[in-house]
Amino acid sequence: MEQLETSDTARKGLKVDLNVANENIISIEEDLYSSKQIQSELLDQLRECEDKYEEAIHKLEETEQRLENALELANEVEKLQQENFHLKNSVYIPKKND
């Protein structure tokens, strides 16, 4: 009889331990699912950041090209102004009274 009671007590203890272990597994699975959702959201945010970064780089390259074009135009204007100045100073244009 004593063996039956010991066996029954052991079985009940194992059942409690098994229930606790199952609850822990469920909790771990829920945490894992939550962490995977967070990871997925972070990856989406990272992709958005990468897209915005690429867009910013593209705009920066466009701006750099426009600045280079503007500098070239400014240099051309300066050259033309210098040529115009030299032409005005090198050619004598008589006035009506000369």
N, C-alpha and C. Protein backbone atom coordinates (compact mmCIF):
# COMPACT_ATOMS: atom_id res chain seq x y z
N MET A 1 0.81 -1.19 0.00
CA MET A 1 0.00 0.00 0.00
C MET A 1 0.87 1.26 0.00
N GLU A 2 1.91 1.17 0.75
CA GLU A 2 2.83 2.31 0.84
C GLU A 2 3.45 2.61 -0.52
N GLN A 3 3.73 1.57 -1.28
CA GLN A 3 4.30 1.76 -2.61
C GLN A 3 3.31 2.47 -3.53
N LEU A 4 2.03 2.14 -3.38
CA LEU A 4 1.01 2.79 -4.20
C LEU A 4 0.92 4.28 -3.86
N GLU A 5 0.99 4.60 -2.61
CA GLU A 5 0.93 6.01 -2.19
C GLU A 5 2.17 6.77 -2.68
N THR A 6 3.32 6.14 -2.57
CA THR A 6 4.56 6.76 -3.04
C THR A 6 4.50 6.94 -4.55
N SER A 7 4.02 5.93 -5.22
CA SER A 7 3.90 6.00 -6.67
C SER A 7 2.89 7.07 -7.07
N ASP A 8 1.77 7.14 -6.37
CA ASP A 8 0.75 8.15 -6.66
C ASP A 8 1.29 9.56 -6.41
N THR A 9 2.01 9.72 -5.33
CA THR A 9 2.61 11.02 -5.01
C THR A 9 3.64 11.42 -6.07
N ALA A 10 4.43 10.45 -6.46
CA ALA A 10 5.44 10.71 -7.50
C ALA A 10 4.77 11.07 -8.82
N ARG A 11 3.70 10.35 -9.14
CA ARG A 11 2.97 10.63 -10.39
C ARG A 11 2.37 12.03 -10.36
N LYS A 12 1.79 12.40 -9.22
CA LYS A 12 1.21 13.76 -9.10
C LYS A 12 2.30 14.82 -9.20
N GLY A 13 3.46 14.56 -8.58
CA GLY A 13 4.59 15.49 -8.69
C GLY A 13 5.07 15.64 -10.12
N LEU A 14 5.15 14.52 -10.82
CA LEU A 14 5.56 14.57 -12.23
C LEU A 14 4.54 15.31 -13.08
N LYS A 15 3.26 15.11 -12.76
CA LYS A 15 2.20 15.80 -13.51
C LYS A 15 2.31 17.31 -13.31
N VAL A 16 2.58 17.72 -12.06
CA VAL A 16 2.75 19.15 -11.77
C VAL A 16 3.98 19.68 -12.51
N ASP A 17 5.08 18.92 -12.42
CA ASP A 17 6.30 19.33 -13.13
C ASP A 17 6.07 19.42 -14.63
N LEU A 18 5.32 18.47 -15.17
CA LEU A 18 5.03 18.48 -16.60
C LEU A 18 4.19 19.70 -16.98
N ASN A 19 3.20 20.03 -16.17
CA ASN A 19 2.38 21.22 -16.42
C ASN A 19 3.21 22.49 -16.36
N VAL A 20 4.11 22.59 -15.38
CA VAL A 20 4.99 23.75 -15.27
C VAL A 20 5.90 23.84 -16.50
N ALA A 21 6.44 22.70 -16.90
CA ALA A 21 7.31 22.68 -18.08
C ALA A 21 6.54 23.09 -19.33
N ASN A 22 5.31 22.62 -19.48
CA ASN A 22 4.48 23.00 -20.63
C ASN A 22 4.17 24.49 -20.63
N GLU A 23 3.88 25.03 -19.44
CA GLU A 23 3.64 26.48 -19.34
C GLU A 23 4.89 27.27 -19.71
N ASN A 24 6.04 26.78 -19.27
CA ASN A 24 7.30 27.44 -19.63
C ASN A 24 7.55 27.38 -21.13
N ILE A 25 7.25 26.23 -21.74
CA ILE A 25 7.41 26.09 -23.20
C ILE A 25 6.49 27.07 -23.92
N ILE A 26 5.24 27.15 -23.47
CA ILE A 26 4.29 28.09 -24.09
C ILE A 26 4.79 29.52 -23.95
N SER A 27 5.29 29.86 -22.77
CA SER A 27 5.81 31.22 -22.54
C SER A 27 7.00 31.50 -23.44
N ILE A 28 7.89 30.52 -23.57
CA ILE A 28 9.06 30.69 -24.44
C ILE A 28 8.63 30.84 -25.90
N GLU A 29 7.66 30.04 -26.33
CA GLU A 29 7.16 30.14 -27.70
C GLU A 29 6.52 31.51 -27.96
N GLU A 30 5.77 32.02 -26.98
CA GLU A 30 5.17 33.35 -27.12
C GLU A 30 6.25 34.42 -27.21
N ASP A 31 7.28 34.30 -26.37
CA ASP A 31 8.40 35.25 -26.43
C ASP A 31 9.12 35.17 -27.76
N LEU A 32 9.30 33.96 -28.26
CA LEU A 32 9.96 33.76 -29.55
C LEU A 32 9.14 34.39 -30.67
N TYR A 33 7.83 34.16 -30.63
CA TYR A 33 6.95 34.75 -31.65
C TYR A 33 7.02 36.28 -31.59
N SER A 34 6.96 36.83 -30.38
CA SER A 34 7.05 38.29 -30.22
C SER A 34 8.38 38.82 -30.74
N SER A 35 9.46 38.12 -30.42
CA SER A 35 10.78 38.58 -30.88
C SER A 35 10.89 38.49 -32.39
N LYS A 36 10.25 37.48 -32.99
CA LYS A 36 10.28 37.38 -34.46
C LYS A 36 9.46 38.50 -35.09
N GLN A 37 8.35 38.86 -34.46
CA GLN A 37 7.57 40.00 -34.96
C GLN A 37 8.38 41.28 -34.87
N ILE A 38 9.05 41.48 -33.74
CA ILE A 38 9.88 42.67 -33.56
C ILE A 38 11.01 42.68 -34.58
N GLN A 39 11.63 41.52 -34.78
CA GLN A 39 12.71 41.42 -35.76
C GLN A 39 12.20 41.76 -37.16
N SER A 40 11.03 41.28 -37.49
CA SER A 40 10.44 41.57 -38.80
C SER A 40 10.17 43.06 -38.96
N GLU A 41 9.62 43.68 -37.92
CA GLU A 41 9.36 45.11 -37.96
C GLU A 41 10.65 45.90 -38.09
N LEU A 42 11.69 45.48 -37.37
CA LEU A 42 12.98 46.16 -37.46
C LEU A 42 13.59 46.01 -38.85
N LEU A 43 13.44 44.85 -39.45
CA LEU A 43 13.95 44.65 -40.81
C LEU A 43 13.21 45.56 -41.80
N ASP A 44 11.90 45.68 -41.62
CA ASP A 44 11.12 46.59 -42.47
C ASP A 44 11.61 48.02 -42.31
N GLN A 45 11.84 48.43 -41.05
CA GLN A 45 12.34 49.79 -40.80
C GLN A 45 13.73 49.98 -41.40
N LEU A 46 14.56 48.94 -41.31
CA LEU A 46 15.90 49.01 -41.89
C LEU A 46 15.82 49.17 -43.41
N ARG A 47 14.91 48.43 -44.04
CA ARG A 47 14.73 48.56 -45.49
C ARG A 47 14.28 49.97 -45.86
N GLU A 48 13.36 50.53 -45.07
CA GLU A 48 12.91 51.90 -45.32
C GLU A 48 14.08 52.87 -45.19
N CYS A 49 14.89 52.68 -44.16
CA CYS A 49 16.05 53.54 -43.96
C CYS A 49 17.03 53.42 -45.13
N GLU A 50 17.25 52.19 -45.59
CA GLU A 50 18.14 51.98 -46.73
C GLU A 50 17.59 52.66 -47.97
N ASP A 51 16.28 52.57 -48.19
CA ASP A 51 15.67 53.23 -49.34
C ASP A 51 15.83 54.74 -49.24
N LYS A 52 15.58 55.29 -48.05
CA LYS A 52 15.73 56.73 -47.86
C LYS A 52 17.19 57.15 -48.03
N TYR A 53 18.11 56.31 -47.56
CA TYR A 53 19.53 56.60 -47.72
C TYR A 53 19.91 56.64 -49.20
N GLU A 54 19.45 55.64 -49.94
CA GLU A 54 19.74 55.60 -51.38
C GLU A 54 19.15 56.82 -52.09
N GLU A 55 17.94 57.21 -51.69
CA GLU A 55 17.30 58.39 -52.28
C GLU A 55 18.10 59.65 -51.95
N ALA A 56 18.57 59.74 -50.71
CA ALA A 56 19.36 60.90 -50.31
C ALA A 56 20.68 60.96 -51.07
N ILE A 57 21.31 59.80 -51.25
CA ILE A 57 22.57 59.74 -52.02
C ILE A 57 22.32 60.18 -53.46
N HIS A 58 21.22 59.72 -54.03
CA HIS A 58 20.88 60.10 -55.41
C HIS A 58 20.67 61.61 -55.51
N LYS A 59 19.93 62.18 -54.56
CA LYS A 59 19.70 63.63 -54.57
C LYS A 59 21.01 64.38 -54.38
N LEU A 60 21.87 63.86 -53.52
CA LEU A 60 23.17 64.49 -53.30
C LEU A 60 24.00 64.47 -54.57
N GLU A 61 23.99 63.35 -55.27
CA GLU A 61 24.73 63.26 -56.53
C GLU A 61 24.17 64.23 -57.57
N GLU A 62 22.83 64.35 -57.63
CA GLU A 62 22.22 65.30 -58.55
C GLU A 62 22.63 66.72 -58.19
N THR A 63 22.61 67.03 -56.91
CA THR A 63 22.99 68.38 -56.46
C THR A 63 24.45 68.65 -56.77
N GLU A 64 25.30 67.66 -56.56
CA GLU A 64 26.72 67.81 -56.88
C GLU A 64 26.91 68.08 -58.37
N GLN A 65 26.17 67.36 -59.21
CA GLN A 65 26.27 67.58 -60.66
C GLN A 65 25.79 68.98 -61.03
N ARG A 66 24.71 69.43 -60.41
CA ARG A 66 24.20 70.78 -60.68
C ARG A 66 25.22 71.83 -60.25
N LEU A 67 25.87 71.60 -59.11
CA LEU A 67 26.89 72.55 -58.65
C LEU A 67 28.07 72.59 -59.62
N GLU A 68 28.48 71.42 -60.10
CA GLU A 68 29.57 71.38 -61.09
C GLU A 68 29.17 72.12 -62.36
N ASN A 69 27.92 71.91 -62.82
CA ASN A 69 27.44 72.62 -64.01
C ASN A 69 27.40 74.12 -63.77
N ALA A 70 26.94 74.52 -62.59
CA ALA A 70 26.88 75.94 -62.27
C ALA A 70 28.27 76.55 -62.23
N LEU A 71 29.23 75.81 -61.68
CA LEU A 71 30.62 76.30 -61.64
C LEU A 71 31.18 76.44 -63.04
N GLU A 72 30.91 75.47 -63.90
CA GLU A 72 31.37 75.57 -65.29
C GLU A 72 30.75 76.79 -65.98
N LEU A 73 29.46 77.00 -65.75
CA LEU A 73 28.80 78.17 -66.35
C LEU A 73 29.39 79.47 -65.80
N ALA A 74 29.65 79.50 -64.51
CA ALA A 74 30.24 80.70 -63.90
C ALA A 74 31.62 80.97 -64.50
N ASN A 75 32.40 79.93 -64.73
CA ASN A 75 33.72 80.10 -65.35
C ASN A 75 33.59 80.61 -66.78
N GLU A 76 32.61 80.08 -67.51
CA GLU A 76 32.38 80.56 -68.88
C GLU A 76 31.96 82.02 -68.89
N VAL A 77 31.08 82.39 -67.96
CA VAL A 77 30.64 83.79 -67.87
C VAL A 77 31.83 84.68 -67.56
N GLU A 78 32.69 84.24 -66.65
CA GLU A 78 33.87 85.05 -66.31
C GLU A 78 34.79 85.22 -67.51
N LYS A 79 34.99 84.13 -68.26
CA LYS A 79 35.82 84.22 -69.47
C LYS A 79 35.21 85.19 -70.47
N LEU A 80 33.90 85.10 -70.68
CA LEU A 80 33.25 86.00 -71.63
C LEU A 80 33.33 87.45 -71.16
N GLN A 81 33.19 87.66 -69.87
CA GLN A 81 33.31 89.03 -69.35
C GLN A 81 34.72 89.57 -69.56
N GLN A 82 35.72 88.71 -69.35
CA GLN A 82 37.10 89.16 -69.58
C GLN A 82 37.33 89.46 -71.05
N GLU A 83 36.82 88.59 -71.93
CA GLU A 83 36.97 88.84 -73.37
C GLU A 83 36.26 90.12 -73.77
N ASN A 84 35.08 90.34 -73.22
CA ASN A 84 34.33 91.55 -73.52
C ASN A 84 35.08 92.78 -73.04
N PHE A 85 35.68 92.69 -71.84
CA PHE A 85 36.46 93.81 -71.31
C PHE A 85 37.64 94.12 -72.21
N HIS A 86 38.35 93.07 -72.65
CA HIS A 86 39.51 93.27 -73.53
C HIS A 86 39.08 93.83 -74.88
N LEU A 87 37.98 93.38 -75.40
CA LEU A 87 37.50 93.90 -76.68
C LEU A 87 37.12 95.37 -76.55
N LYS A 88 36.46 95.74 -75.49
CA LYS A 88 36.07 97.14 -75.29
C LYS A 88 37.29 98.04 -75.17
N ASN A 89 38.32 97.54 -74.51
CA ASN A 89 39.52 98.35 -74.29
C ASN A 89 40.48 98.33 -75.48
N SER A 90 40.35 97.38 -76.37
CA SER A 90 41.30 97.29 -77.48
C SER A 90 40.78 97.98 -78.75
N VAL A 91 39.52 98.22 -78.84
CA VAL A 91 38.97 98.83 -80.05
C VAL A 91 38.61 100.28 -79.75
N TYR A 92 39.15 101.17 -80.63
CA TYR A 92 38.83 102.59 -80.47
C TYR A 92 37.60 102.89 -81.35
N ILE A 93 36.61 103.42 -80.70
CA ILE A 93 35.41 103.79 -81.45
C ILE A 93 35.32 105.31 -81.41
N PRO A 94 35.51 105.94 -82.56
CA PRO A 94 35.45 107.41 -82.57
C PRO A 94 34.05 107.92 -82.28
N LYS A 95 34.03 109.00 -81.58
CA LYS A 95 32.76 109.63 -81.28
C LYS A 95 32.38 110.51 -82.47
N LYS A 96 31.20 111.00 -82.52
CA LYS A 96 30.72 111.82 -83.62
C LYS A 96 31.56 113.10 -83.77
N ASN A 97 32.00 113.61 -82.68
CA ASN A 97 32.72 114.89 -82.73
C ASN A 97 34.20 114.69 -83.03
N ASP A 98 34.70 113.50 -83.14
CA ASP A 98 36.13 113.27 -83.42
C ASP A 98 36.48 113.55 -84.82
